[in-house]
All heavy atoms as atom14 arrays in JSON, in Angstrom:
{
  "sequence": "DRPLQVRAASLRGSEIRLVVAGSLGGRDGVHRFDGRING",
  "atom14_mask": [
    [1, 1, 1, 1, 1, 1, 1, 1, 0, 0, 0, 0, 0, 0],
    [1, 1, 1, 1, 1, 1, 1, 1, 1, 1, 1, 0, 0, 0],
    [1, 1, 1, 1, 1, 1, 1, 0, 0, 0, 0, 0, 0, 0],
    [1, 1, 1, 1, 1, 1, 1, 1, 0, 0, 0, 0, 0, 0],
    [1, 1, 1, 1, 1, 1, 1, 1, 1, 0, 0, 0, 0, 0],
    [1, 1, 1, 1, 1, 1, 1, 0, 0, 0, 0, 0, 0, 0],
    [1, 1, 1, 1, 1, 1, 1, 1, 1, 1, 1, 0, 0, 0],
    [1, 1, 1, 1, 1, 0, 0, 0, 0, 0, 0, 0, 0, 0],
    [1, 1, 1, 1, 1, 0, 0, 0, 0, 0, 0, 0, 0, 0],
    [1, 1, 1, 1, 1, 1, 0, 0, 0, 0, 0, 0, 0, 0],
    [1, 1, 1, 1, 1, 1, 1, 1, 0, 0, 0, 0, 0, 0],
    [1, 1, 1, 1, 1, 1, 1, 1, 1, 1, 1, 0, 0, 0],
    [1, 1, 1, 1, 0, 0, 0, 0, 0, 0, 0, 0, 0, 0],
    [1, 1, 1, 1, 1, 1, 0, 0, 0, 0, 0, 0, 0, 0],
    [1, 1, 1, 1, 1, 1, 1, 1, 1, 0, 0, 0, 0, 0],
    [1, 1, 1, 1, 1, 1, 1, 1, 0, 0, 0, 0, 0, 0],
    [1, 1, 1, 1, 1, 1, 1, 1, 1, 1, 1, 0, 0, 0],
    [1, 1, 1, 1, 1, 1, 1, 1, 0, 0, 0, 0, 0, 0],
    [1, 1, 1, 1, 1, 1, 1, 0, 0, 0, 0, 0, 0, 0],
    [1, 1, 1, 1, 1, 1, 1, 0, 0, 0, 0, 0, 0, 0],
    [1, 1, 1, 1, 1, 0, 0, 0, 0, 0, 0, 0, 0, 0],
    [1, 1, 1, 1, 0, 0, 0, 0, 0, 0, 0, 0, 0, 0],
    [1, 1, 1, 1, 1, 1, 0, 0, 0, 0, 0, 0, 0, 0],
    [1, 1, 1, 1, 1, 1, 1, 1, 0, 0, 0, 0, 0, 0],
    [1, 1, 1, 1, 0, 0, 0, 0, 0, 0, 0, 0, 0, 0],
    [1, 1, 1, 1, 0, 0, 0, 0, 0, 0, 0, 0, 0, 0],
    [1, 1, 1, 1, 1, 1, 1, 1, 1, 1, 1, 0, 0, 0],
    [1, 1, 1, 1, 1, 1, 1, 1, 0, 0, 0, 0, 0, 0],
    [1, 1, 1, 1, 0, 0, 0, 0, 0, 0, 0, 0, 0, 0],
    [1, 1, 1, 1, 1, 1, 1, 0, 0, 0, 0, 0, 0, 0],
    [1, 1, 1, 1, 1, 1, 1, 1, 1, 1, 0, 0, 0, 0],
    [1, 1, 1, 1, 1, 1, 1, 1, 1, 1, 1, 0, 0, 0],
    [1, 1, 1, 1, 1, 1, 1, 1, 1, 1, 1, 0, 0, 0],
    [1, 1, 1, 1, 1, 1, 1, 1, 0, 0, 0, 0, 0, 0],
    [1, 1, 1, 1, 0, 0, 0, 0, 0, 0, 0, 0, 0, 0],
    [1, 1, 1, 1, 1, 1, 1, 1, 1, 1, 1, 0, 0, 0],
    [1, 1, 1, 1, 1, 1, 1, 1, 0, 0, 0, 0, 0, 0],
    [1, 1, 1, 1, 1, 1, 1, 1, 0, 0, 0, 0, 0, 0],
    [1, 1, 1, 1, 0, 0, 0, 0, 0, 0, 0, 0, 0, 0]
  ],
  "atom14_positions": [
    [[48.33, -21.69, -0.47], [49.75, -22.13, -0.7], [50.3, -22.93, 0.5], [51.41, -23.5, 0.25], [50.53, -20.89, -1.05], [50.14, -20.26, -2.32], [49.5, -20.9, -3.2], [50.32, -19.03, -2.48], [0.0, 0.0, 0.0], [0.0, 0.0, 0.0], [0.0, 0.0, 0.0], [0.0, 0.0, 0.0], [0.0, 0.0, 0.0], [0.0, 0.0, 0.0]],
    [[49.76, -22.84, 1.62], [50.37, -23.61, 2.76], [50.08, -25.08, 2.66], [48.8, -25.49, 2.24], [49.77, -23.01, 3.98], [50.37, -21.67, 4.36], [50.0, -21.32, 5.8], [48.59, -21.29, 5.96], [47.98, -20.59, 6.89], [48.71, -19.87, 7.67], [46.67, -20.55, 7.01], [0.0, 0.0, 0.0], [0.0, 0.0, 0.0], [0.0, 0.0, 0.0]],
    [[51.0, -25.86, 2.97], [50.75, -27.32, 2.88], [49.82, -27.8, 3.91], [49.66, -27.3, 5.02], [52.1, -27.92, 3.05], [53.01, -26.9, 3.84], [52.4, -25.68, 3.36], [0.0, 0.0, 0.0], [0.0, 0.0, 0.0], [0.0, 0.0, 0.0], [0.0, 0.0, 0.0], [0.0, 0.0, 0.0], [0.0, 0.0, 0.0], [0.0, 0.0, 0.0]],
    [[49.05, -28.87, 3.58], [48.21, -29.54, 4.57], [49.03, -30.47, 5.47], [50.03, -30.95, 5.05], [47.08, -30.41, 3.83], [46.14, -29.6, 3.02], [45.33, -30.54, 2.16], [45.25, -28.83, 3.88], [0.0, 0.0, 0.0], [0.0, 0.0, 0.0], [0.0, 0.0, 0.0], [0.0, 0.0, 0.0], [0.0, 0.0, 0.0], [0.0, 0.0, 0.0]],
    [[48.72, -30.57, 6.79], [49.3, -31.45, 7.59], [48.66, -32.74, 7.76], [47.5, -32.73, 8.16], [49.45, -30.72, 8.99], [50.25, -31.44, 10.02], [50.37, -30.67, 11.34], [49.39, -30.14, 11.82], [51.57, -30.67, 11.91], [0.0, 0.0, 0.0], [0.0, 0.0, 0.0], [0.0, 0.0, 0.0], [0.0, 0.0, 0.0], [0.0, 0.0, 0.0]],
    [[49.28, -33.83, 7.5], [48.71, -35.16, 7.66], [48.73, -35.53, 9.13], [49.77, -35.54, 9.69], [49.36, -36.14, 6.77], [48.75, -37.62, 7.02], [49.29, -35.77, 5.33], [0.0, 0.0, 0.0], [0.0, 0.0, 0.0], [0.0, 0.0, 0.0], [0.0, 0.0, 0.0], [0.0, 0.0, 0.0], [0.0, 0.0, 0.0], [0.0, 0.0, 0.0]],
    [[47.54, -35.81, 9.75], [47.59, -36.1, 11.14], [47.49, -37.71, 11.31], [47.94, -38.13, 12.35], [46.23, -35.49, 11.77], [46.33, -33.94, 11.76], [47.07, -33.49, 13.04], [47.2, -32.09, 13.05], [46.3, -31.2, 13.61], [45.16, -31.71, 14.05], [46.52, -29.95, 13.54], [0.0, 0.0, 0.0], [0.0, 0.0, 0.0], [0.0, 0.0, 0.0]],
    [[46.79, -38.28, 10.34], [46.66, -39.78, 10.51], [46.37, -40.36, 9.12], [45.88, -39.63, 8.22], [45.48, -40.13, 11.39], [0.0, 0.0, 0.0], [0.0, 0.0, 0.0], [0.0, 0.0, 0.0], [0.0, 0.0, 0.0], [0.0, 0.0, 0.0], [0.0, 0.0, 0.0], [0.0, 0.0, 0.0], [0.0, 0.0, 0.0], [0.0, 0.0, 0.0]],
    [[46.88, -41.57, 8.91], [46.55, -42.27, 7.69], [46.5, -43.74, 7.97], [47.27, -44.22, 8.68], [47.69, -42.0, 6.62], [0.0, 0.0, 0.0], [0.0, 0.0, 0.0], [0.0, 0.0, 0.0], [0.0, 0.0, 0.0], [0.0, 0.0, 0.0], [0.0, 0.0, 0.0], [0.0, 0.0, 0.0], [0.0, 0.0, 0.0], [0.0, 0.0, 0.0]],
    [[45.52, -44.38, 7.33], [45.4, -45.84, 7.53], [44.92, -46.44, 6.23], [44.16, -45.85, 5.53], [44.41, -46.2, 8.78], [43.07, -45.78, 8.4], [0.0, 0.0, 0.0], [0.0, 0.0, 0.0], [0.0, 0.0, 0.0], [0.0, 0.0, 0.0], [0.0, 0.0, 0.0], [0.0, 0.0, 0.0], [0.0, 0.0, 0.0], [0.0, 0.0, 0.0]],
    [[45.3, -47.65, 6.09], [44.93, -48.57, 4.93], [44.54, -49.92, 5.3], [45.38, -50.51, 6.11], [45.94, -48.53, 3.93], [45.79, -49.42, 2.68], [44.58, -48.89, 1.89], [47.05, -49.4, 1.85], [0.0, 0.0, 0.0], [0.0, 0.0, 0.0], [0.0, 0.0, 0.0], [0.0, 0.0, 0.0], [0.0, 0.0, 0.0], [0.0, 0.0, 0.0]],
    [[43.35, -50.32, 5.24], [42.9, -51.73, 5.65], [42.25, -52.32, 4.41], [41.17, -51.93, 4.08], [41.93, -51.68, 6.78], [42.61, -51.56, 8.13], [41.56, -51.87, 9.24], [42.14, -51.64, 10.47], [41.84, -50.6, 11.2], [40.93, -49.74, 10.69], [42.47, -50.34, 12.36], [0.0, 0.0, 0.0], [0.0, 0.0, 0.0], [0.0, 0.0, 0.0]],
    [[42.87, -53.28, 3.82], [42.42, -53.94, 2.54], [42.22, -52.75, 1.57], [43.19, -52.18, 1.14], [0.0, 0.0, 0.0], [0.0, 0.0, 0.0], [0.0, 0.0, 0.0], [0.0, 0.0, 0.0], [0.0, 0.0, 0.0], [0.0, 0.0, 0.0], [0.0, 0.0, 0.0], [0.0, 0.0, 0.0], [0.0, 0.0, 0.0], [0.0, 0.0, 0.0]],
    [[41.01, -52.56, 1.03], [40.77, -51.47, 0.05], [40.17, -50.2, 0.67], [39.83, -49.27, 0.04], [39.77, -51.98, -0.99], [38.5, -52.3, -0.37], [0.0, 0.0, 0.0], [0.0, 0.0, 0.0], [0.0, 0.0, 0.0], [0.0, 0.0, 0.0], [0.0, 0.0, 0.0], [0.0, 0.0, 0.0], [0.0, 0.0, 0.0], [0.0, 0.0, 0.0]],
    [[40.15, -50.18, 2.04], [39.6, -48.94, 2.69], [40.79, -48.05, 3.1], [41.77, -48.51, 3.78], [38.78, -49.33, 3.95], [37.63, -50.31, 3.68], [36.51, -49.57, 2.96], [36.3, -48.42, 3.29], [35.91, -50.2, 2.19], [0.0, 0.0, 0.0], [0.0, 0.0, 0.0], [0.0, 0.0, 0.0], [0.0, 0.0, 0.0], [0.0, 0.0, 0.0]],
    [[40.64, -46.8, 2.62], [41.72, -45.75, 3.08], [41.08, -44.68, 3.89], [39.97, -44.29, 3.61], [42.43, -45.32, 1.8], [43.69, -44.5, 2.18], [41.54, -44.59, 0.84], [44.57, -44.22, 1.06], [0.0, 0.0, 0.0], [0.0, 0.0, 0.0], [0.0, 0.0, 0.0], [0.0, 0.0, 0.0], [0.0, 0.0, 0.0], [0.0, 0.0, 0.0]],
    [[41.84, -44.1, 4.85], [41.35, -42.99, 5.54], [42.55, -42.06, 5.67], [43.66, -42.51, 6.23], [40.89, -43.4, 6.89], [40.54, -42.11, 7.76], [39.89, -42.49, 9.04], [38.45, -42.89, 8.75], [37.62, -43.31, 9.65], [38.01, -43.46, 11.05], [36.44, -43.65, 9.33], [0.0, 0.0, 0.0], [0.0, 0.0, 0.0], [0.0, 0.0, 0.0]],
    [[42.41, -40.76, 5.42], [43.43, -39.76, 5.76], [42.78, -38.65, 6.48], [41.66, -38.19, 6.21], [43.85, -39.16, 4.33], [44.59, -40.03, 3.39], [44.8, -39.32, 2.1], [45.79, -40.62, 3.9], [0.0, 0.0, 0.0], [0.0, 0.0, 0.0], [0.0, 0.0, 0.0], [0.0, 0.0, 0.0], [0.0, 0.0, 0.0], [0.0, 0.0, 0.0]],
    [[43.44, -38.11, 7.49], [43.0, -37.08, 8.33], [44.08, -36.07, 8.18], [45.21, -36.11, 8.5], [42.84, -37.49, 9.81], [42.42, -36.18, 10.55], [41.82, -38.66, 9.95], [0.0, 0.0, 0.0], [0.0, 0.0, 0.0], [0.0, 0.0, 0.0], [0.0, 0.0, 0.0], [0.0, 0.0, 0.0], [0.0, 0.0, 0.0], [0.0, 0.0, 0.0]],
    [[43.63, -34.81, 7.61], [44.53, -33.67, 7.36], [44.0, -32.5, 8.0], [42.86, -32.3, 8.14], [44.78, -33.48, 5.89], [45.4, -34.74, 5.14], [43.53, -33.11, 5.09], [0.0, 0.0, 0.0], [0.0, 0.0, 0.0], [0.0, 0.0, 0.0], [0.0, 0.0, 0.0], [0.0, 0.0, 0.0], [0.0, 0.0, 0.0], [0.0, 0.0, 0.0]],
    [[44.93, -31.54, 8.33], [44.51, -30.26, 8.96], [45.09, -29.16, 8.05], [46.13, -29.22, 7.45], [45.1, -30.1, 10.36], [0.0, 0.0, 0.0], [0.0, 0.0, 0.0], [0.0, 0.0, 0.0], [0.0, 0.0, 0.0], [0.0, 0.0, 0.0], [0.0, 0.0, 0.0], [0.0, 0.0, 0.0], [0.0, 0.0, 0.0], [0.0, 0.0, 0.0]],
    [[44.29, -28.1, 7.89], [44.7, -26.89, 7.14], [43.54, -26.4, 6.4], [42.36, -26.65, 6.65], [0.0, 0.0, 0.0], [0.0, 0.0, 0.0], [0.0, 0.0, 0.0], [0.0, 0.0, 0.0], [0.0, 0.0, 0.0], [0.0, 0.0, 0.0], [0.0, 0.0, 0.0], [0.0, 0.0, 0.0], [0.0, 0.0, 0.0], [0.0, 0.0, 0.0]],
    [[43.84, -25.53, 5.38], [42.84, -24.88, 4.57], [42.65, -25.68, 3.31], [43.69, -25.85, 2.58], [43.34, -23.53, 4.24], [42.31, -22.71, 3.46], [0.0, 0.0, 0.0], [0.0, 0.0, 0.0], [0.0, 0.0, 0.0], [0.0, 0.0, 0.0], [0.0, 0.0, 0.0], [0.0, 0.0, 0.0], [0.0, 0.0, 0.0], [0.0, 0.0, 0.0]],
    [[41.42, -26.11, 3.12], [41.13, -26.91, 1.82], [39.85, -26.47, 1.32], [38.78, -26.46, 1.97], [40.97, -28.38, 2.3], [40.87, -29.38, 1.15], [42.04, -29.42, 0.29], [40.6, -30.85, 1.81], [0.0, 0.0, 0.0], [0.0, 0.0, 0.0], [0.0, 0.0, 0.0], [0.0, 0.0, 0.0], [0.0, 0.0, 0.0], [0.0, 0.0, 0.0]],
    [[39.79, -25.98, 0.07], [38.63, -25.48, -0.65], [38.07, -24.35, 0.17], [36.89, -24.15, 0.23], [0.0, 0.0, 0.0], [0.0, 0.0, 0.0], [0.0, 0.0, 0.0], [0.0, 0.0, 0.0], [0.0, 0.0, 0.0], [0.0, 0.0, 0.0], [0.0, 0.0, 0.0], [0.0, 0.0, 0.0], [0.0, 0.0, 0.0], [0.0, 0.0, 0.0]],
    [[38.92, -23.59, 0.78], [38.45, -22.23, 1.41], [38.0, -22.59, 2.83], [37.51, -21.72, 3.58], [0.0, 0.0, 0.0], [0.0, 0.0, 0.0], [0.0, 0.0, 0.0], [0.0, 0.0, 0.0], [0.0, 0.0, 0.0], [0.0, 0.0, 0.0], [0.0, 0.0, 0.0], [0.0, 0.0, 0.0], [0.0, 0.0, 0.0], [0.0, 0.0, 0.0]],
    [[38.14, -23.85, 3.26], [37.64, -24.22, 4.67], [38.84, -24.55, 5.59], [39.55, -25.44, 5.14], [36.6, -25.42, 4.57], [35.45, -25.28, 3.74], [34.25, -24.75, 4.51], [34.27, -25.39, 5.88], [33.25, -25.59, 6.53], [32.06, -25.42, 6.05], [33.26, -25.98, 7.78], [0.0, 0.0, 0.0], [0.0, 0.0, 0.0], [0.0, 0.0, 0.0]],
    [[38.97, -23.92, 6.63], [39.93, -24.27, 7.62], [39.46, -25.35, 8.49], [38.3, -25.33, 8.86], [40.38, -22.94, 8.52], [41.17, -22.02, 7.68], [41.97, -22.44, 6.67], [41.05, -20.75, 7.98], [0.0, 0.0, 0.0], [0.0, 0.0, 0.0], [0.0, 0.0, 0.0], [0.0, 0.0, 0.0], [0.0, 0.0, 0.0], [0.0, 0.0, 0.0]],
    [[40.37, -26.13, 8.94], [39.98, -27.22, 10.04], [40.6, -28.39, 9.74], [41.56, -28.68, 8.97], [0.0, 0.0, 0.0], [0.0, 0.0, 0.0], [0.0, 0.0, 0.0], [0.0, 0.0, 0.0], [0.0, 0.0, 0.0], [0.0, 0.0, 0.0], [0.0, 0.0, 0.0], [0.0, 0.0, 0.0], [0.0, 0.0, 0.0], [0.0, 0.0, 0.0]],
    [[39.92, -29.48, 10.19], [40.32, -30.94, 10.08], [39.42, -31.49, 8.96], [38.2, -31.42, 9.09], [40.21, -31.62, 11.39], [40.51, -33.19, 11.22], [41.11, -31.02, 12.46], [0.0, 0.0, 0.0], [0.0, 0.0, 0.0], [0.0, 0.0, 0.0], [0.0, 0.0, 0.0], [0.0, 0.0, 0.0], [0.0, 0.0, 0.0], [0.0, 0.0, 0.0]],
    [[40.09, -32.27, 8.05], [39.26, -32.9, 6.99], [39.59, -34.37, 6.97], [40.75, -34.75, 7.03], [39.76, -32.32, 5.66], [39.86, -30.87, 5.71], [38.75, -29.96, 5.4], [40.96, -29.96, 5.85], [39.14, -28.74, 5.46], [40.39, -28.72, 5.76], [0.0, 0.0, 0.0], [0.0, 0.0, 0.0], [0.0, 0.0, 0.0], [0.0, 0.0, 0.0]],
    [[38.58, -35.21, 7.07], [38.69, -36.63, 7.14], [38.29, -37.27, 5.72], [37.13, -37.13, 5.27], [37.93, -37.26, 8.16], [38.34, -38.69, 8.48], [37.53, -39.32, 9.65], [36.27, -39.88, 9.09], [35.24, -39.98, 9.82], [35.21, -39.6, 11.1], [34.09, -40.48, 9.31], [0.0, 0.0, 0.0], [0.0, 0.0, 0.0], [0.0, 0.0, 0.0]],
    [[39.15, -37.82, 4.97], [38.96, -38.47, 3.76], [38.8, -39.93, 3.95], [39.68, -40.61, 4.45], [40.13, -38.25, 2.77], [40.37, -36.87, 2.31], [41.07, -36.01, 3.14], [39.86, -36.46, 1.1], [41.14, -34.52, 2.68], [39.95, -35.13, 0.67], [40.76, -34.23, 1.5], [0.0, 0.0, 0.0], [0.0, 0.0, 0.0], [0.0, 0.0, 0.0]],
    [[37.59, -40.5, 3.66], [37.3, -41.86, 3.71], [37.03, -42.38, 2.27], [36.28, -41.84, 1.55], [36.07, -42.22, 4.52], [36.23, -41.92, 6.06], [37.32, -42.29, 6.51], [35.47, -41.35, 6.6], [0.0, 0.0, 0.0], [0.0, 0.0, 0.0], [0.0, 0.0, 0.0], [0.0, 0.0, 0.0], [0.0, 0.0, 0.0], [0.0, 0.0, 0.0]],
    [[37.71, -43.45, 1.94], [37.52, -43.9, 0.51], [37.79, -45.43, 0.33], [38.3, -45.99, 1.23], [0.0, 0.0, 0.0], [0.0, 0.0, 0.0], [0.0, 0.0, 0.0], [0.0, 0.0, 0.0], [0.0, 0.0, 0.0], [0.0, 0.0, 0.0], [0.0, 0.0, 0.0], [0.0, 0.0, 0.0], [0.0, 0.0, 0.0], [0.0, 0.0, 0.0]],
    [[37.38, -45.89, -0.81], [37.57, -47.29, -1.18], [38.39, -47.27, -2.42], [38.08, -46.61, -3.47], [36.27, -48.01, -1.4], [36.39, -49.43, -1.83], [35.1, -50.06, -1.97], [34.28, -50.24, -0.72], [34.54, -51.22, 0.09], [35.41, -52.22, -0.23], [33.85, -51.35, 1.23], [0.0, 0.0, 0.0], [0.0, 0.0, 0.0], [0.0, 0.0, 0.0]],
    [[39.41, -48.12, -2.46], [40.35, -48.16, -3.59], [39.83, -49.28, -4.57], [39.46, -50.35, -4.11], [41.83, -48.61, -3.11], [42.3, -47.52, -2.15], [42.69, -48.82, -4.3], [43.57, -47.95, -1.43], [0.0, 0.0, 0.0], [0.0, 0.0, 0.0], [0.0, 0.0, 0.0], [0.0, 0.0, 0.0], [0.0, 0.0, 0.0], [0.0, 0.0, 0.0]],
    [[39.77, -48.86, -5.84], [39.29, -49.88, -6.83], [40.21, -49.74, -8.05], [40.02, -48.79, -8.78], [37.76, -49.56, -7.19], [37.28, -50.53, -8.17], [37.92, -51.53, -8.52], [36.03, -50.43, -8.55], [0.0, 0.0, 0.0], [0.0, 0.0, 0.0], [0.0, 0.0, 0.0], [0.0, 0.0, 0.0], [0.0, 0.0, 0.0], [0.0, 0.0, 0.0]],
    [[41.19, -50.53, -8.18], [42.05, -50.39, -9.31], [42.98, -49.21, -9.06], [43.56, -48.93, -8.04], [0.0, 0.0, 0.0], [0.0, 0.0, 0.0], [0.0, 0.0, 0.0], [0.0, 0.0, 0.0], [0.0, 0.0, 0.0], [0.0, 0.0, 0.0], [0.0, 0.0, 0.0], [0.0, 0.0, 0.0], [0.0, 0.0, 0.0], [0.0, 0.0, 0.0]]
  ]
}
């Protein structure tokens, strides 16, 4: 129920990166999301 804390976010062209800290899927720590936007 605790919100995740966004530590960093970047967008370059279609490349996106988010770095968040907190509990996600039962795992505590830092989570880095790397993705490509398509539509």
